[in-house]
Each structure stands twice: as C-alpha cells, then as structure tokens.
Amino acid sequence: MSKRYAWLGATRKKAVRDIASSCVDAWLRDWCLEYGLSEATVEEIPLISFLPEEYATWVVEAEGGHLLTALPRNRLDSFGGRLASADPVQSDGVAAELARSAMQDLLIRLAAGARHLHASPITWEHAWPDVILNPVWGGLGLQVSFDGFDLVLGMDRAVIDMVCPERGRGSDALSNRLESLAQVPVALSAVLDFGSVNASDLADLRVGEVLVSERAVGDSVALRAGDRHVFNANLVRSGSQFAIVAAALPTGENR
C-alpha cells in the first residue's frame, strides 16, 4: 500500500508550480521555433477526473516516486507541427514523433530537478498511478496551457518532496546557521573592574593621571563578545603583555 501523506499545503504547491513553470519555459524555448509569439501558463488541476486512455503518457518511475507527462493522443501531430512551425498534415508522422520526443525531454528535465530520480522515461499504457491522481495520497496535477494546447504534468508526493523538500528539522536549521556563522568575526573584550568614582572626580580626570584597578593580576575578569558575557577569565601576564586565561562559564545573573 502506498504511504499516505498529509495534504500538500498551498505554499508548497505554489513552489512546485513555479519550479515546473520555469522548467517548461526553458523547455519550450529549446523546442519551439516561435515560442516568443505566446507564453505558457501552469495551473493546478485535479487529475482524478481525466481519462488516461485518451492521452499519450510518459512516466519516470524510480526511488519510490512517479512523475508523468501527457498529451492528448489526437493532438500529437498538431503539437509537433506547432513546435516546428510546420504543417503537420504534410509531415508524414514526423510531427507526431517530434511531439513524443519533446514530451519525453520535458519529463527528463522535470526529473532532473528531483533528487535521486534518475530513471529513463517509459511510454505508459496503463492507468495513471493512483498516488498521482489522488490528492489524499499527496499527488499533484498541473496543466500546461500553450497556444491552444493543454499538456498534463503529474507527480506523487515522493517526487514533490524531492523537487521541493519540506523545511528542515529545527536541529538541521540550527546546524546550518552555526555553519553560516562560523567565519563571522566577533570582537572580544575583557572588562577590568575599576570600582566607582564620583561624577565630579570623573569630570576632573586629566591626561597622565593613574587609575589603579581593584583587580590584581590573577583575579577574575569578564570576557565579553559585544555586550554578552561569555566567559569568566583570570588576568595574567605573558611576558610584557597582559593576557587572560578562560576559567569558567558565567552563571546566574552574569550569564
């Protein structure tokens, strides 16, 4: 039995539709000699009411996923003629073969956007897979309308999850953020406590006057990243320079 998925949300449907639309646009620009004369639209449609026997269908079936493209059988010649800007009546079947090749190429392009979906297209003579037809199983149908032609795209939820993955788990998102922040420079400061003075004393402060800290070498200081207390440390000497030795994480109100 096929895995039953939750209903596909409107946001992900739109994302899948946009991805398919971009793929269709590039495909038509490569196959149609006069594509600039009209544009294609991609809209969601319920496939469960379609009659598959009326369509020429190609399917990629691999890694538990199903992806199909379809075109009405009685429009193969005319669609091939539209692609080639030629009269299909005079093509002696070449126009229909061109349409078949183009539809298989569209399927290959769509499958390339689905990770791990690498099988070759096959001509499908059976009923369309229920996992594509039925929204309860997470399937999605799209109709490509182009210059009077209606092409069908169908995919099951497994393919949708390859094409447009759900948002990662919180731990994954946190890991990605940590990786992104890893090379960001952070200013560190060690806060040396000098106690408190009267405002009048501070106003009288002059260049050259010496202020003696209440902290001795070896006493604790606060290590800060920006205004965040990140570590307790000890003030030490290293040759002729001051240094700090990280001692402990801050606790309580100091954290």
Protein backbone atom coordinates (compact mmCIF):
# COMPACT_ATOMS: atom_id res chain seq x y z
CA MET A 1 0.00 0.00 0.00
CA SER A 2 1.22 3.49 -0.80
CA LYS A 3 2.23 5.72 2.04
CA ARG A 4 -0.49 8.17 2.97
CA TYR A 5 0.85 11.70 3.30
CA ALA A 6 -0.62 14.81 4.84
CA TRP A 7 -2.36 17.22 2.48
CA LEU A 8 0.02 19.33 0.48
CA GLY A 9 -0.08 22.97 1.62
CA ALA A 10 -0.77 25.92 -0.68
CA THR A 11 2.74 27.34 -0.20
CA ARG A 12 4.48 24.17 -1.36
CA LYS A 13 2.01 23.74 -4.23
CA LYS A 14 2.90 27.21 -5.46
CA ALA A 15 6.62 26.47 -5.08
CA VAL A 16 6.28 23.26 -7.13
CA ARG A 17 4.19 25.08 -9.74
CA ASP A 18 6.82 27.83 -10.02
CA ILE A 19 9.61 25.26 -10.43
CA ALA A 20 7.62 23.43 -13.11
CA SER A 21 6.79 26.71 -14.86
CA SER A 22 10.46 27.66 -15.05
CA CYS A 23 11.33 24.22 -16.44
CA VAL A 24 8.53 24.40 -19.03
CA ASP A 25 9.63 27.85 -20.15
CA ALA A 26 13.22 26.70 -20.76
CA TRP A 27 11.94 23.54 -22.48
CA LEU A 28 9.70 25.44 -24.89
CA ARG A 29 12.45 27.90 -25.73
CA ASP A 30 14.62 24.97 -26.79
CA TRP A 31 11.96 23.04 -28.72
CA CYS A 32 9.63 25.66 -30.18
CA LEU A 33 10.90 27.64 -33.15
CA GLU A 34 8.50 30.52 -32.49
CA TYR A 35 7.99 30.38 -28.74
CA GLY A 36 8.14 34.15 -28.34
CA LEU A 37 4.74 34.54 -30.04
CA SER A 38 2.89 33.18 -26.98
CA GLU A 39 3.57 32.16 -23.40
CA ALA A 40 2.77 29.06 -21.40
CA THR A 41 0.81 29.02 -18.14
CA VAL A 42 0.98 26.32 -15.47
CA GLU A 43 -2.02 25.76 -13.20
CA GLU A 44 -3.07 23.09 -10.72
CA ILE A 45 -5.76 20.67 -11.95
CA PRO A 46 -7.49 17.60 -10.43
CA LEU A 47 -6.23 14.64 -12.46
CA ILE A 48 -8.65 12.15 -10.94
CA SER A 49 -11.36 13.14 -13.47
CA PHE A 50 -9.12 12.65 -16.53
CA LEU A 51 -9.36 9.67 -18.89
CA PRO A 52 -5.77 8.36 -19.25
CA GLU A 53 -6.63 6.26 -22.30
CA GLU A 54 -7.15 9.49 -24.26
CA TYR A 55 -3.57 10.61 -23.56
CA ALA A 56 -0.12 9.65 -24.76
CA THR A 57 1.73 9.32 -21.47
CA TRP A 58 5.36 9.02 -20.40
CA VAL A 59 6.44 8.16 -16.89
CA VAL A 60 9.60 8.14 -14.80
CA GLU A 61 9.26 5.61 -12.01
CA ALA A 62 12.17 5.24 -9.62
CA GLU A 63 13.16 5.53 -5.96
CA GLY A 64 9.53 5.17 -4.93
CA GLY A 65 8.46 8.21 -6.95
CA HIS A 66 6.25 8.66 -10.02
CA LEU A 67 6.41 11.59 -12.44
CA LEU A 68 4.45 11.78 -15.69
CA THR A 69 3.87 13.99 -18.71
CA ALA A 70 0.90 13.53 -21.02
CA LEU A 71 -0.60 15.00 -24.17
CA PRO A 72 -3.96 14.14 -25.85
CA ARG A 73 -3.31 11.48 -28.48
CA ASN A 74 -5.32 13.36 -31.08
CA ARG A 75 -3.08 16.44 -30.66
CA LEU A 76 0.31 14.80 -31.19
CA ASP A 77 0.57 15.78 -34.86
CA SER A 78 -0.63 19.33 -34.36
CA PHE A 79 1.60 19.90 -31.34
CA GLY A 80 4.65 18.64 -33.22
CA GLY A 81 3.69 20.95 -36.09
CA ARG A 82 3.41 23.88 -33.68
CA LEU A 83 6.88 23.18 -32.30
CA ALA A 84 8.37 23.05 -35.80
CA SER A 85 6.17 25.83 -37.22
CA ALA A 86 5.18 23.40 -39.99
CA ASP A 87 2.03 21.86 -41.42
CA PRO A 88 1.57 18.52 -39.58
CA VAL A 89 -0.56 17.14 -42.41
CA GLN A 90 2.47 17.17 -44.70
CA SER A 91 4.86 15.73 -42.10
CA ASP A 92 4.12 12.02 -42.72
CA GLY A 93 4.24 11.25 -38.97
CA VAL A 94 7.38 13.28 -38.30
CA ALA A 95 5.40 15.92 -36.37
CA ALA A 96 3.94 13.31 -34.02
CA GLU A 97 7.38 11.81 -33.42
CA LEU A 98 8.75 15.28 -32.70
CA ALA A 99 5.98 15.79 -30.13
CA ARG A 100 6.80 12.46 -28.47
CA SER A 101 10.49 13.32 -28.24
CA ALA A 102 9.71 16.75 -26.85
CA MET A 103 7.37 15.36 -24.16
CA GLN A 104 9.97 12.81 -23.08
CA ASP A 105 12.57 15.55 -22.89
CA LEU A 106 10.25 17.62 -20.67
CA LEU A 107 9.92 14.61 -18.38
CA ILE A 108 13.72 14.21 -18.24
CA ARG A 109 14.11 17.89 -17.34
CA LEU A 110 11.49 17.70 -14.60
CA ALA A 111 13.05 14.51 -13.22
CA ALA A 112 16.46 16.20 -13.15
CA GLY A 113 15.04 18.64 -10.60
CA ALA A 114 14.01 15.75 -8.35
CA ARG A 115 16.98 14.47 -6.39
CA HIS A 116 17.71 10.75 -6.87
CA LEU A 117 15.14 10.42 -9.69
CA HIS A 118 17.40 9.19 -12.50
CA ALA A 119 15.38 6.53 -14.39
CA SER A 120 14.70 6.90 -18.12
CA PRO A 121 11.17 7.81 -19.34
CA ILE A 122 8.97 4.96 -20.46
CA THR A 123 5.82 5.05 -22.61
CA TRP A 124 2.94 4.37 -20.21
CA GLU A 125 0.00 2.34 -21.48
CA HIS A 126 -1.67 1.70 -18.11
CA ALA A 127 -3.96 3.68 -15.84
CA TRP A 128 -2.20 6.62 -14.24
CA PRO A 129 -0.78 5.74 -10.80
CA ASP A 130 -3.27 6.42 -8.02
CA VAL A 131 -0.52 8.07 -5.97
CA ILE A 132 -0.51 10.82 -8.62
CA LEU A 133 -4.26 11.00 -9.23
CA ASN A 134 -5.49 11.17 -5.66
CA PRO A 135 -4.73 14.27 -3.52
CA VAL A 136 -5.34 12.13 -0.42
CA TRP A 137 -2.09 10.35 -1.26
CA GLY A 138 -0.32 13.68 -1.78
CA GLY A 139 -0.42 13.71 -5.60
CA LEU A 140 -0.43 16.91 -7.63
CA GLY A 141 -1.63 17.57 -11.18
CA LEU A 142 -0.54 20.54 -13.29
CA GLN A 143 -1.83 21.69 -16.66
CA VAL A 144 0.48 23.49 -19.07
CA SER A 145 -1.54 25.65 -21.46
CA PHE A 146 0.32 26.83 -24.52
CA ASP A 147 -1.16 28.31 -27.69
CA GLY A 148 -4.32 26.19 -27.51
CA PHE A 149 -2.57 23.01 -26.32
CA ASP A 150 -3.09 21.54 -22.83
CA LEU A 151 -0.26 19.35 -21.57
CA VAL A 152 -0.51 17.41 -18.32
CA LEU A 153 2.12 17.03 -15.62
CA GLY A 154 1.58 14.74 -12.66
CA MET A 155 3.73 13.82 -9.69
CA ASP A 156 3.28 11.93 -6.46
CA ARG A 157 4.28 13.16 -3.02
CA ALA A 158 7.62 11.36 -3.09
CA VAL A 159 8.64 13.35 -6.18
CA ILE A 160 7.25 16.58 -4.71
CA ASP A 161 9.43 16.07 -1.64
CA MET A 162 12.45 15.65 -3.95
CA VAL A 163 11.63 18.70 -6.06
CA CYS A 164 10.62 20.93 -3.17
CA PRO A 165 11.76 19.48 0.17
CA GLU A 166 9.93 20.38 3.33
CA ARG A 167 11.65 22.78 5.70
CA GLY A 168 14.40 21.00 7.59
CA ARG A 169 14.08 19.99 11.20
CA GLY A 170 14.96 22.54 13.85
CA SER A 171 18.25 20.80 14.62
CA ASP A 172 19.18 20.87 10.92
CA ALA A 173 18.33 24.56 10.67
CA LEU A 174 20.40 25.30 13.78
CA SER A 175 23.33 23.34 12.36
CA ASN A 176 23.12 25.30 9.12
CA ARG A 177 23.04 28.60 10.99
CA LEU A 178 26.06 27.61 13.04
CA GLU A 179 27.96 26.71 9.87
CA SER A 180 27.00 30.04 8.31
CA LEU A 181 28.14 31.98 11.38
CA ALA A 182 31.37 30.04 11.86
CA GLN A 183 33.54 32.56 9.96
CA VAL A 184 31.87 35.74 11.25
CA PRO A 185 34.41 37.84 13.22
CA VAL A 186 33.40 38.65 16.81
CA ALA A 187 35.01 41.40 18.90
CA LEU A 188 36.13 40.19 22.32
CA SER A 189 36.78 42.43 25.32
CA ALA A 190 37.95 41.74 28.84
CA VAL A 191 36.25 44.03 31.38
CA LEU A 192 38.60 45.16 34.14
CA ASP A 193 36.73 46.49 37.19
CA PHE A 194 37.94 49.89 38.43
CA GLY A 195 35.22 50.31 41.03
CA SER A 196 33.19 53.52 41.15
CA VAL A 197 34.04 57.22 41.40
CA ASN A 198 32.05 60.41 41.89
CA ALA A 199 30.91 62.20 38.76
CA SER A 200 32.92 65.27 39.84
CA ASP A 201 36.08 63.16 40.04
CA LEU A 202 35.45 61.85 36.52
CA ALA A 203 34.96 65.41 35.26
CA ASP A 204 38.34 66.38 36.74
CA LEU A 205 40.16 63.46 35.13
CA ARG A 206 43.23 64.66 33.21
CA VAL A 207 45.74 63.11 30.83
CA GLY A 208 48.51 61.38 32.74
CA GLU A 209 46.54 60.58 35.89
CA VAL A 210 46.84 56.97 37.06
CA LEU A 211 43.82 54.85 37.92
CA VAL A 212 44.53 51.72 39.92
CA SER A 213 42.19 48.81 39.42
CA GLU A 214 40.77 46.91 42.34
CA ARG A 215 41.73 43.75 40.47
CA ALA A 216 45.16 42.23 40.93
CA VAL A 217 46.99 40.05 38.44
CA GLY A 218 45.39 36.64 38.73
CA ASP A 219 41.95 37.98 39.68
CA SER A 220 38.80 37.28 37.70
CA VAL A 221 37.67 39.45 34.76
CA ALA A 222 34.63 39.18 32.47
CA LEU A 223 35.25 38.14 28.87
CA ARG A 224 32.59 39.66 26.60
CA ALA A 225 31.53 39.23 22.98
CA GLY A 226 29.87 42.53 22.20
CA ASP A 227 27.63 43.15 25.21
CA ARG A 228 27.31 39.43 26.01
CA HIS A 229 29.16 37.95 28.99
CA VAL A 230 30.50 34.70 27.50
CA PHE A 231 33.23 33.57 29.93
CA ASN A 232 34.87 34.23 33.27
CA ALA A 233 38.63 34.57 32.96
CA ASN A 234 41.71 35.37 35.02
CA LEU A 235 44.03 38.31 34.28
CA VAL A 236 47.67 37.20 33.92
CA ARG A 237 50.95 38.41 32.45
CA SER A 238 52.51 36.90 29.35
CA GLY A 239 55.98 38.39 29.03
CA SER A 240 55.49 42.15 28.75
CA GLN A 241 51.80 41.83 27.86
CA PHE A 242 48.60 41.23 29.75
CA ALA A 243 46.62 38.10 28.92
CA ILE A 244 43.59 36.25 30.18
CA VAL A 245 43.04 32.60 30.96
CA ALA A 246 39.50 31.31 30.37
CA ALA A 247 38.29 29.92 33.67
CA ALA A 248 34.54 29.12 33.67
CA LEU A 249 31.22 29.78 32.00
CA PRO A 250 29.18 32.60 33.56
CA THR A 251 26.31 31.56 35.83
CA GLY A 252 23.18 33.12 37.20
CA GLU A 253 22.60 36.81 36.53
CA ASN A 254 26.05 37.18 34.97
CA ARG A 255 25.25 34.83 32.11
